[in-house]
PDB file of all heavy atoms in Angstrom:
ATOM      1  N   ALA A   1      -1.064   1.568  -4.690  1.00  0.00           N
ATOM      2  CA  ALA A   1      -1.046   0.962  -6.028  1.00  0.00           C
ATOM      3  C   ALA A   1      -0.195  -0.300  -6.036  1.00  0.00           C
ATOM      4  O   ALA A   1      -0.593  -1.319  -6.627  1.00  0.00           O
ATOM      5  CB  ALA A   1      -0.513   1.971  -7.043  1.00  0.00           C
ATOM      6  N   GLN A   2       0.964  -0.249  -5.369  1.00  0.00           N
ATOM      7  CA  GLN A   2       1.826  -1.429  -5.304  1.00  0.00           C
ATOM      8  C   GLN A   2       1.106  -2.575  -4.595  1.00  0.00           C
ATOM      9  O   GLN A   2       1.180  -3.728  -5.025  1.00  0.00           O
ATOM     10  CB  GLN A   2       3.140  -1.104  -4.597  1.00  0.00           C
ATOM     11  CG  GLN A   2       4.095  -2.272  -4.591  1.00  0.00           C
ATOM     12  CD  GLN A   2       4.690  -2.562  -3.233  1.00  0.00           C
ATOM     13  OE1 GLN A   2       4.480  -1.823  -2.273  1.00  0.00           O
ATOM     14  NE2 GLN A   2       5.437  -3.632  -3.151  1.00  0.00           N
ATOM     15  N   MET A   3       0.403  -2.260  -3.524  1.00  0.00           N
ATOM     16  CA  MET A   3      -0.312  -3.299  -2.782  1.00  0.00           C
ATOM     17  C   MET A   3      -1.451  -3.888  -3.620  1.00  0.00           C
ATOM     18  O   MET A   3      -1.640  -5.105  -3.641  1.00  0.00           O
ATOM     19  CB  MET A   3      -0.834  -2.743  -1.463  1.00  0.00           C
ATOM     20  CG  MET A   3       0.283  -2.375  -0.508  1.00  0.00           C
ATOM     21  SD  MET A   3      -0.324  -1.684   1.002  1.00  0.00           S
ATOM     22  CE  MET A   3      -0.552  -3.177   1.931  1.00  0.00           C
ATOM     23  N   CYS A   4      -2.185  -3.037  -4.311  1.00  0.00           N
ATOM     24  CA  CYS A   4      -3.290  -3.530  -5.139  1.00  0.00           C
ATOM     25  C   CYS A   4      -2.770  -4.396  -6.279  1.00  0.00           C
ATOM     26  O   CYS A   4      -3.325  -5.463  -6.559  1.00  0.00           O
ATOM     27  CB  CYS A   4      -4.095  -2.350  -5.692  1.00  0.00           C
ATOM     28  SG  CYS A   4      -5.073  -1.516  -4.443  1.00  0.00           S
ATOM     29  N   VAL A   5      -1.715  -3.935  -6.941  1.00  0.00           N
ATOM     30  CA  VAL A   5      -1.148  -4.711  -8.048  1.00  0.00           C
ATOM     31  C   VAL A   5      -0.608  -6.043  -7.534  1.00  0.00           C
ATOM     32  O   VAL A   5      -0.790  -7.084  -8.173  1.00  0.00           O
ATOM     33  CB  VAL A   5      -0.039  -3.896  -8.767  1.00  0.00           C
ATOM     34  CG1 VAL A   5       0.774  -4.760  -9.705  1.00  0.00           C
ATOM     35  CG2 VAL A   5      -0.656  -2.733  -9.528  1.00  0.00           C
ATOM     36  N   GLY A   6       0.033  -6.021  -6.372  1.00  0.00           N
ATOM     37  CA  GLY A   6       0.582  -7.257  -5.811  1.00  0.00           C
ATOM     38  C   GLY A   6      -0.483  -8.243  -5.401  1.00  0.00           C
ATOM     39  O   GLY A   6      -0.383  -9.446  -5.678  1.00  0.00           O
ATOM     40  N   HIS A   7      -1.527  -7.766  -4.735  1.00  0.00           N
ATOM     41  CA  HIS A   7      -2.563  -8.675  -4.226  1.00  0.00           C
ATOM     42  C   HIS A   7      -3.544  -9.119  -5.300  1.00  0.00           C
ATOM     43  O   HIS A   7      -4.042 -10.245  -5.260  1.00  0.00           O
ATOM     44  CB  HIS A   7      -3.322  -8.030  -3.071  1.00  0.00           C
ATOM     45  CG  HIS A   7      -2.562  -8.045  -1.791  1.00  0.00           C
ATOM     46  ND1 HIS A   7      -2.284  -9.196  -1.102  1.00  0.00           N
ATOM     47  CD2 HIS A   7      -1.994  -7.039  -1.079  1.00  0.00           C
ATOM     48  CE1 HIS A   7      -1.597  -8.914  -0.016  1.00  0.00           C
ATOM     49  NE2 HIS A   7      -1.402  -7.602   0.020  1.00  0.00           N
ATOM     50  N   LEU A   8      -3.839  -8.239  -6.229  1.00  0.00           N
ATOM     51  CA  LEU A   8      -4.786  -8.598  -7.282  1.00  0.00           C
ATOM     52  C   LEU A   8      -4.106  -9.308  -8.455  1.00  0.00           C
ATOM     53  O   LEU A   8      -4.764  -9.678  -9.413  1.00  0.00           O
ATOM     54  CB  LEU A   8      -5.514  -7.342  -7.780  1.00  0.00           C
ATOM     55  CG  LEU A   8      -6.364  -6.609  -6.735  1.00  0.00           C
ATOM     56  CD1 LEU A   8      -6.942  -5.333  -7.314  1.00  0.00           C
ATOM     57  CD2 LEU A   8      -7.460  -7.513  -6.198  1.00  0.00           C
ATOM     58  N   LYS A   9      -2.786  -9.438  -8.353  1.00  0.00           N
ATOM     59  CA  LYS A   9      -1.987 -10.136  -9.375  1.00  0.00           C
ATOM     60  C   LYS A   9      -2.216  -9.556 -10.767  1.00  0.00           C
ATOM     61  O   LYS A   9      -2.384 -10.286 -11.750  1.00  0.00           O
ATOM     62  CB  LYS A   9      -2.272 -11.630  -9.339  1.00  0.00           C
ATOM     63  CG  LYS A   9      -1.867 -12.264  -8.023  1.00  0.00           C
ATOM     64  CD  LYS A   9      -2.206 -13.739  -8.002  1.00  0.00           C
ATOM     65  CE  LYS A   9      -1.649 -14.350  -6.755  1.00  0.00           C
ATOM     66  NZ  LYS A   9      -2.455 -14.581  -5.672  1.00  0.00           N
ATOM     67  N   LEU A  10      -2.233  -8.224 -10.836  1.00  0.00           N
ATOM     68  CA  LEU A  10      -2.403  -7.549 -12.119  1.00  0.00           C
ATOM     69  C   LEU A  10      -1.145  -7.651 -12.971  1.00  0.00           C
ATOM     70  O   LEU A  10      -1.216  -7.583 -14.194  1.00  0.00           O
ATOM     71  CB  LEU A  10      -2.777  -6.082 -11.896  1.00  0.00           C
ATOM     72  CG  LEU A  10      -4.084  -5.840 -11.130  1.00  0.00           C
ATOM     73  CD1 LEU A  10      -4.281  -4.374 -10.857  1.00  0.00           C
ATOM     74  CD2 LEU A  10      -5.259  -6.409 -11.893  1.00  0.00           C
ATOM     75  N   LEU A  11       0.005  -7.748 -12.304  1.00  0.00           N
ATOM     76  CA  LEU A  11       1.285  -7.948 -12.977  1.00  0.00           C
ATOM     77  C   LEU A  11       1.979  -9.132 -12.330  1.00  0.00           C
ATOM     78  O   LEU A  11       1.732  -9.444 -11.159  1.00  0.00           O
ATOM     79  CB  LEU A  11       2.164  -6.694 -12.853  1.00  0.00           C
ATOM     80  CG  LEU A  11       1.697  -5.447 -13.601  1.00  0.00           C
ATOM     81  CD1 LEU A  11       2.567  -4.257 -13.233  1.00  0.00           C
ATOM     82  CD2 LEU A  11       1.717  -5.664 -15.097  1.00  0.00           C
ATOM     83  N   PRO A  12       2.869  -9.806 -13.039  1.00  0.00           N
ATOM     84  CA  PRO A  12       3.580 -10.937 -12.422  1.00  0.00           C
ATOM     85  C   PRO A  12       4.443 -10.479 -11.246  1.00  0.00           C
ATOM     86  O   PRO A  12       4.885  -9.331 -11.195  1.00  0.00           O
ATOM     87  CB  PRO A  12       4.456 -11.478 -13.560  1.00  0.00           C
ATOM     88  CG  PRO A  12       4.199 -10.665 -14.758  1.00  0.00           C
ATOM     89  CD  PRO A  12       3.223  -9.601 -14.425  1.00  0.00           C
ATOM     90  N   HIS A  13       4.675 -11.394 -10.297  1.00  0.00           N
ATOM     91  CA  HIS A  13       5.437 -11.057  -9.089  1.00  0.00           C
ATOM     92  C   HIS A  13       6.888 -10.712  -9.381  1.00  0.00           C
ATOM     93  O   HIS A  13       7.548 -10.089  -8.557  1.00  0.00           O
ATOM     94  CB  HIS A  13       5.360 -12.189  -8.061  1.00  0.00           C
ATOM     95  CG  HIS A  13       4.043 -12.259  -7.380  1.00  0.00           C
ATOM     96  ND1 HIS A  13       3.565 -11.258  -6.576  1.00  0.00           N
ATOM     97  CD2 HIS A  13       3.066 -13.207  -7.417  1.00  0.00           C
ATOM     98  CE1 HIS A  13       2.375 -11.578  -6.126  1.00  0.00           C
ATOM     99  NE2 HIS A  13       2.036 -12.760  -6.631  1.00  0.00           N
ATOM    100  N   ASP A  14       7.395 -11.095 -10.546  1.00  0.00           N
ATOM    101  CA  ASP A  14       8.771 -10.694 -10.868  1.00  0.00           C
ATOM    102  C   ASP A  14       8.837  -9.236 -11.314  1.00  0.00           C
ATOM    103  O   ASP A  14       9.908  -8.647 -11.368  1.00  0.00           O
ATOM    104  CB  ASP A  14       9.393 -11.618 -11.921  1.00  0.00           C
ATOM    105  CG  ASP A  14       8.614 -11.640 -13.224  1.00  0.00           C
ATOM    106  OD1 ASP A  14       7.440 -11.249 -13.215  1.00  0.00           O
ATOM    107  OD2 ASP A  14       9.209 -12.057 -14.241  1.00  0.00           O
ATOM    108  N   GLN A  15       7.670  -8.620 -11.605  1.00  0.00           N
ATOM    109  CA  GLN A  15       7.650  -7.199 -11.943  1.00  0.00           C
ATOM    110  C   GLN A  15       7.285  -6.338 -10.744  1.00  0.00           C
ATOM    111  O   GLN A  15       7.872  -5.285 -10.542  1.00  0.00           O
ATOM    112  CB  GLN A  15       6.676  -6.930 -13.085  1.00  0.00           C
ATOM    113  CG  GLN A  15       7.243  -7.269 -14.433  1.00  0.00           C
ATOM    114  CD  GLN A  15       6.487  -6.565 -15.533  1.00  0.00           C
ATOM    115  OE1 GLN A  15       5.306  -6.276 -15.404  1.00  0.00           O
ATOM    116  NE2 GLN A  15       7.189  -6.290 -16.606  1.00  0.00           N
ATOM    117  N   VAL A  16       6.303  -6.756  -9.987  1.00  0.00           N
ATOM    118  CA  VAL A  16       5.892  -6.016  -8.795  1.00  0.00           C
ATOM    119  C   VAL A  16       5.780  -7.008  -7.643  1.00  0.00           C
ATOM    120  O   VAL A  16       4.914  -7.888  -7.656  1.00  0.00           O
ATOM    121  CB  VAL A  16       4.558  -5.277  -8.989  1.00  0.00           C
ATOM    122  CG1 VAL A  16       4.136  -4.584  -7.712  1.00  0.00           C
ATOM    123  CG2 VAL A  16       4.666  -4.265 -10.114  1.00  0.00           C
ATOM    124  N   ALA A  17       6.655  -6.844  -6.655  1.00  0.00           N
ATOM    125  CA  ALA A  17       6.706  -7.768  -5.522  1.00  0.00           C
ATOM    126  C   ALA A  17       5.522  -7.549  -4.585  1.00  0.00           C
ATOM    127  O   ALA A  17       4.899  -6.485  -4.570  1.00  0.00           O
ATOM    128  CB  ALA A  17       8.006  -7.556  -4.750  1.00  0.00           C
ATOM    129  N   MET A  18       5.248  -8.571  -3.811  1.00  0.00           N
ATOM    130  CA  MET A  18       4.240  -8.438  -2.758  1.00  0.00           C
ATOM    131  C   MET A  18       4.741  -7.424  -1.729  1.00  0.00           C
ATOM    132  O   MET A  18       5.945  -7.293  -1.521  1.00  0.00           O
ATOM    133  CB  MET A  18       4.000  -9.797  -2.081  1.00  0.00           C
ATOM    134  CG  MET A  18       3.248 -10.792  -2.944  1.00  0.00           C
ATOM    135  SD  MET A  18       1.582 -10.240  -3.359  1.00  0.00           S
ATOM    136  CE  MET A  18       0.780 -10.428  -1.785  1.00  0.00           C
ATOM    137  N   PRO A  19       3.828  -6.716  -1.080  1.00  0.00           N
ATOM    138  CA  PRO A  19       4.253  -5.688  -0.131  1.00  0.00           C
ATOM    139  C   PRO A  19       4.916  -6.273   1.116  1.00  0.00           C
ATOM    140  O   PRO A  19       4.658  -7.403   1.502  1.00  0.00           O
ATOM    141  CB  PRO A  19       2.964  -4.969   0.238  1.00  0.00           C
ATOM    142  CG  PRO A  19       1.862  -5.768  -0.323  1.00  0.00           C
ATOM    143  CD  PRO A  19       2.400  -6.752  -1.275  1.00  0.00           C
ATOM    144  N   TYR A  20       5.771  -5.459   1.717  1.00  0.00           N
ATOM    145  CA  TYR A  20       6.370  -5.823   2.993  1.00  0.00           C
ATOM    146  C   TYR A  20       5.329  -5.612   4.101  1.00  0.00           C
ATOM    147  O   TYR A  20       4.334  -4.910   3.913  1.00  0.00           O
ATOM    148  CB  TYR A  20       7.601  -4.952   3.272  1.00  0.00           C
ATOM    149  CG  TYR A  20       8.776  -5.272   2.384  1.00  0.00           C
ATOM    150  CD1 TYR A  20       9.061  -4.481   1.272  1.00  0.00           C
ATOM    151  CD2 TYR A  20       9.598  -6.353   2.647  1.00  0.00           C
ATOM    152  CE1 TYR A  20      10.140  -4.767   0.452  1.00  0.00           C
ATOM    153  CE2 TYR A  20      10.672  -6.651   1.840  1.00  0.00           C
ATOM    154  CZ  TYR A  20      10.939  -5.851   0.742  1.00  0.00           C
ATOM    155  OH  TYR A  20      11.996  -6.140  -0.062  1.00  0.00           O
ATOM    156  N   GLN A  21       5.582  -6.196   5.274  1.00  0.00           N
ATOM    157  CA  GLN A  21       4.622  -6.125   6.380  1.00  0.00           C
ATOM    158  C   GLN A  21       4.401  -4.697   6.886  1.00  0.00           C
ATOM    159  O   GLN A  21       3.308  -4.362   7.309  1.00  0.00           O
ATOM    160  CB  GLN A  21       5.083  -7.017   7.538  1.00  0.00           C
ATOM    161  CG  GLN A  21       5.043  -8.490   7.201  1.00  0.00           C
ATOM    162  CD  GLN A  21       3.633  -8.954   6.897  1.00  0.00           C
ATOM    163  OE1 GLN A  21       2.701  -8.655   7.617  1.00  0.00           O
ATOM    164  NE2 GLN A  21       3.484  -9.682   5.804  1.00  0.00           N
ATOM    165  N   TRP A  22       5.418  -3.859   6.844  1.00  0.00           N
ATOM    166  CA  TRP A  22       5.289  -2.500   7.380  1.00  0.00           C
ATOM    167  C   TRP A  22       4.354  -1.636   6.544  1.00  0.00           C
ATOM    168  O   TRP A  22       3.839  -0.626   7.037  1.00  0.00           O
ATOM    169  CB  TRP A  22       6.652  -1.830   7.489  1.00  0.00           C
ATOM    170  CG  TRP A  22       7.304  -1.529   6.167  1.00  0.00           C
ATOM    171  CD1 TRP A  22       8.149  -2.328   5.482  1.00  0.00           C
ATOM    172  CD2 TRP A  22       7.157  -0.338   5.393  1.00  0.00           C
ATOM    173  NE1 TRP A  22       8.541  -1.715   4.322  1.00  0.00           N
ATOM    174  CE2 TRP A  22       7.948  -0.485   4.234  1.00  0.00           C
ATOM    175  CE3 TRP A  22       6.435   0.841   5.551  1.00  0.00           C
ATOM    176  CZ2 TRP A  22       8.040   0.486   3.255  1.00  0.00           C
ATOM    177  CZ3 TRP A  22       6.532   1.818   4.573  1.00  0.00           C
ATOM    178  CH2 TRP A  22       7.317   1.646   3.442  1.00  0.00           C
ATOM    179  N   GLU A  23       4.113  -2.022   5.311  1.00  0.00           N
ATOM    180  CA  GLU A  23       3.280  -1.199   4.435  1.00  0.00           C
ATOM    181  C   GLU A  23       1.810  -1.222   4.850  1.00  0.00           C
ATOM    182  O   GLU A  23       1.089  -0.255   4.603  1.00  0.00           O
ATOM    183  CB  GLU A  23       3.424  -1.658   2.981  1.00  0.00           C
ATOM    184  CG  GLU A  23       4.819  -1.442   2.432  1.00  0.00           C
ATOM    185  CD  GLU A  23       4.974  -1.933   1.017  1.00  0.00           C
ATOM    186  OE1 GLU A  23       4.255  -1.415   0.136  1.00  0.00           O
ATOM    187  OE2 GLU A  23       5.805  -2.832   0.788  1.00  0.00           O
ATOM    188  N   TYR A  24       1.368  -2.289   5.473  1.00  0.00           N
ATOM    189  CA  TYR A  24      -0.035  -2.384   5.877  1.00  0.00           C
ATOM    190  C   TYR A  24      -0.382  -1.360   6.962  1.00  0.00           C
ATOM    191  O   TYR A  24      -1.350  -0.613   6.801  1.00  0.00           O
ATOM    192  CB  TYR A  24      -0.377  -3.807   6.315  1.00  0.00           C
ATOM    193  CG  TYR A  24      -0.217  -4.813   5.195  1.00  0.00           C
ATOM    194  CD1 TYR A  24       0.880  -5.670   5.174  1.00  0.00           C
ATOM    195  CD2 TYR A  24      -1.129  -4.887   4.156  1.00  0.00           C
ATOM    196  CE1 TYR A  24       1.045  -6.584   4.142  1.00  0.00           C
ATOM    197  CE2 TYR A  24      -0.971  -5.792   3.114  1.00  0.00           C
ATOM    198  CZ  TYR A  24       0.120  -6.636   3.114  1.00  0.00           C
ATOM    199  OH  TYR A  24       0.292  -7.530   2.092  1.00  0.00           O
ATOM    200  N   PRO A  25       0.364  -1.292   8.078  1.00  0.00           N
ATOM    201  CA  PRO A  25       0.016  -0.248   9.057  1.00  0.00           C
ATOM    202  C   PRO A  25       0.289   1.157   8.531  1.00  0.00           C
ATOM    203  O   PRO A  25      -0.350   2.121   8.964  1.00  0.00           O
ATOM    204  CB  PRO A  25       0.884  -0.566  10.279  1.00  0.00           C
ATOM    205  CG  PRO A  25       1.934  -1.478   9.807  1.00  0.00           C
ATOM    206  CD  PRO A  25       1.395  -2.186   8.599  1.00  0.00           C
ATOM    207  N   TYR A  26       1.228   1.283   7.581  1.00  0.00           N
ATOM    208  CA  TYR A  26       1.511   2.620   7.029  1.00  0.00           C
ATOM    209  C   TYR A  26       0.314   3.178   6.267  1.00  0.00           C
ATOM    210  O   TYR A  26       0.168   4.391   6.142  1.00  0.00           O
ATOM    211  CB  TYR A  26       2.744   2.578   6.125  1.00  0.00           C
ATOM    212  CG  TYR A  26       3.172   3.951   5.672  1.00  0.00           C
ATOM    213  CD1 TYR A  26       3.875   4.786   6.525  1.00  0.00           C
ATOM    214  CD2 TYR A  26       2.848   4.427   4.411  1.00  0.00           C
ATOM    215  CE1 TYR A  26       4.256   6.056   6.135  1.00  0.00           C
ATOM    216  CE2 TYR A  26       3.216   5.687   4.008  1.00  0.00           C
ATOM    217  CZ  TYR A  26       3.923   6.498   4.861  1.00  0.00           C
ATOM    218  OH  TYR A  26       4.288   7.765   4.472  1.00  0.00           O
ATOM    219  N   LEU A  27      -0.566   2.306   5.781  1.00  0.00           N
ATOM    220  CA  LEU A  27      -1.754   2.799   5.086  1.00  0.00           C
ATOM    221  C   LEU A  27      -2.631   3.666   5.995  1.00  0.00           C
ATOM    222  O   LEU A  27      -3.363   4.527   5.515  1.00  0.00           O
ATOM    223  CB  LEU A  27      -2.571   1.630   4.531  1.00  0.00           C
ATOM    224  CG  LEU A  27      -1.954   0.886   3.350  1.00  0.00           C
ATOM    225  CD1 LEU A  27      -2.871  -0.241   2.921  1.00  0.00           C
ATOM    226  CD2 LEU A  27      -1.662   1.818   2.199  1.00  0.00           C
ATOM    227  N   LEU A  28      -2.538   3.446   7.306  1.00  0.00           N
ATOM    228  CA  LEU A  28      -3.304   4.278   8.238  1.00  0.00           C
ATOM    229  C   LEU A  28      -2.733   5.686   8.358  1.00  0.00           C
ATOM    230  O   LEU A  28      -3.355   6.559   8.965  1.00  0.00           O
ATOM    231  CB  LEU A  28      -3.332   3.614   9.619  1.00  0.00           C
ATOM    232  CG  LEU A  28      -4.074   2.286   9.706  1.00  0.00           C
ATOM    233  CD1 LEU A  28      -3.884   1.672  11.084  1.00  0.00           C
ATOM    234  CD2 LEU A  28      -5.543   2.474   9.397  1.00  0.00           C
ATOM    235  N   SER A  29      -1.566   5.924   7.778  1.00  0.00           N
ATOM    236  CA  SER A  29      -0.924   7.232   7.911  1.00  0.00           C
ATOM    237  C   SER A  29      -1.675   8.332   7.184  1.00  0.00           C
ATOM    238  O   SER A  29      -1.377   9.514   7.373  1.00  0.00           O
ATOM    239  CB  SER A  29       0.515   7.165   7.396  1.00  0.00           C
ATOM    240  OG  SER A  29       0.526   6.985   5.991  1.00  0.00           O
ATOM    241  N   ILE A  30      -2.646   7.985   6.377  1.00  0.00           N
ATOM    242  CA  ILE A  30      -3.431   9.006   5.695  1.00  0.00           C
ATOM    243  C   ILE A  30      -4.358   9.726   6.682  1.00  0.00           C
ATOM    244  O   ILE A  30      -4.679  10.902   6.515  1.00  0.00           O
ATOM    245  CB  ILE A  30      -4.227   8.397   4.513  1.00  0.00           C
ATOM    246  CG1 ILE A  30      -4.659   9.466   3.527  1.00  0.00           C
ATOM    247  CG2 ILE A  30      -5.405   7.606   4.984  1.00  0.00           C
ATOM    248  CD1 ILE A  30      -3.550  10.049   2.723  1.00  0.00           C
ATOM    249  N   LEU A  31      -4.754   9.036   7.749  1.00  0.00           N
ATOM    250  CA  LEU A  31      -5.674   9.628   8.735  1.00  0.00           C
ATOM    251  C   LEU A  31      -5.082  10.839   9.450  1.00  0.00           C
ATOM    252  O   LEU A  31      -5.759  11.866   9.573  1.00  0.00           O
ATOM    253  CB  LEU A  31      -6.133   8.560   9.732  1.00  0.00           C
ATOM    254  CG  LEU A  31      -6.900   7.380   9.119  1.00  0.00           C
ATOM    255  CD1 LEU A  31      -7.186   6.328  10.175  1.00  0.00           C
ATOM    256  CD2 LEU A  31      -8.158   7.854   8.454  1.00  0.00           C
ATOM    257  N   PRO A  32      -3.822  10.779   9.949  1.00  0.00           N
ATOM    258  CA  PRO A  32      -3.266  11.974  10.585  1.00  0.00           C
ATOM    259  C   PRO A  32      -3.146  13.160   9.632  1.00  0.00           C
ATOM    260  O   PRO A  32      -3.364  14.308  10.027  1.00  0.00           O
ATOM    261  CB  PRO A  32      -1.878  11.539  11.056  1.00  0.00           C
ATOM    262  CG  PRO A  32      -1.891  10.073  11.068  1.00  0.00           C
ATOM    263  CD  PRO A  32      -2.938   9.635  10.102  1.00  0.00           C
ATOM    264  N   SER A  33      -2.852  12.878   8.375  1.00  0.00           N
ATOM    265  CA  SER A  33      -2.746  13.965   7.410  1.00  0.00           C
ATOM    266  C   SER A  33      -4.101  14.639   7.194  1.00  0.00           C
ATOM    267  O   SER A  33      -4.194  15.859   7.143  1.00  0.00           O
ATOM    268  CB  SER A  33      -2.204  13.445   6.082  1.00  0.00           C
ATOM    269  OG  SER A  33      -0.877  13.022   6.235  1.00  0.00           O
ATOM    270  N   LEU A  34      -5.140  13.838   7.076  1.00  0.00           N
ATOM    271  CA  LEU A  34      -6.479  14.403   6.910  1.00  0.00           C
ATOM    272  C   LEU A  34      -6.903  15.184   8.149  1.00  0.00           C
ATOM    273  O   LEU A  34      -7.529  16.240   8.045  1.00  0.00           O
ATOM    274  CB  LEU A  34      -7.480  13.293   6.601  1.00  0.00           C
ATOM    275  CG  LEU A  34      -7.276  12.570   5.269  1.00  0.00           C
ATOM    276  CD1 LEU A  34      -8.276  11.432   5.123  1.00  0.00           C
ATOM    277  CD2 LEU A  34      -7.371  13.530   4.108  1.00  0.00           C
ATOM    278  N   MET A  35      -6.545  14.677   9.314  1.00  0.00           N
ATOM    279  CA  MET A  35      -6.869  15.386  10.547  1.00  0.00           C
ATOM    280  C   MET A  35      -6.123  16.722  10.612  1.00  0.00           C
ATOM    281  O   MET A  35      -6.656  17.723  11.093  1.00  0.00           O
ATOM    282  CB  MET A  35      -6.531  14.522  11.763  1.00  0.00           C
ATOM    283  CG  MET A  35      -7.182  14.990  13.028  1.00  0.00           C
ATOM    284  SD  MET A  35      -6.953  13.842  14.380  1.00  0.00           S
ATOM    285  CE  MET A  35      -7.726  12.390  13.735  1.00  0.00           C
ATOM    286  N   GLY A  36      -4.877  16.732  10.130  1.00  0.00           N
ATOM    287  CA  GLY A  36      -4.125  17.974  10.076  1.00  0.00           C
ATOM    288  C   GLY A  36      -4.792  18.985   9.160  1.00  0.00           C
ATOM    289  O   GLY A  36      -4.891  20.173   9.488  1.00  0.00           O
ATOM    290  N   LEU A  37      -5.276  18.522   8.013  1.00  0.00           N
ATOM    291  CA  LEU A  37      -5.984  19.424   7.104  1.00  0.00           C
ATOM    292  C   LEU A  37      -7.267  19.962   7.725  1.00  0.00           C
ATOM    293  O   LEU A  37      -7.637  21.116   7.511  1.00  0.00           O
ATOM    294  CB  LEU A  37      -6.306  18.712   5.790  1.00  0.00           C
ATOM    295  CG  LEU A  37      -5.153  18.498   4.824  1.00  0.00           C
ATOM    296  CD1 LEU A  37      -5.612  17.667   3.630  1.00  0.00           C
ATOM    297  CD2 LEU A  37      -4.570  19.814   4.355  1.00  0.00           C
ATOM    298  N   LEU A  38      -7.947  19.120   8.513  1.00  0.00           N
ATOM    299  CA  LEU A  38      -9.182  19.558   9.174  1.00  0.00           C
ATOM    300  C   LEU A  38      -8.923  20.608  10.251  1.00  0.00           C
ATOM    301  O   LEU A  38      -9.816  21.379  10.595  1.00  0.00           O
ATOM    302  CB  LEU A  38      -9.906  18.364   9.791  1.00  0.00           C
ATOM    303  CG  LEU A  38     -10.576  17.401   8.814  1.00  0.00           C
ATOM    304  CD1 LEU A  38     -11.144  16.205   9.569  1.00  0.00           C
ATOM    305  CD2 LEU A  38     -11.670  18.109   8.038  1.00  0.00           C
TER     306      LEU A  38
END
């Protein structure tokens, strides 16, 4: 949600900052969790 709000400029940058670089690869962290559930 933070990344979408930051990139789509839904709120001004003084309210929601652009994401840090580490957040992009962290988005892949959903895959191991789904694999664990499987």
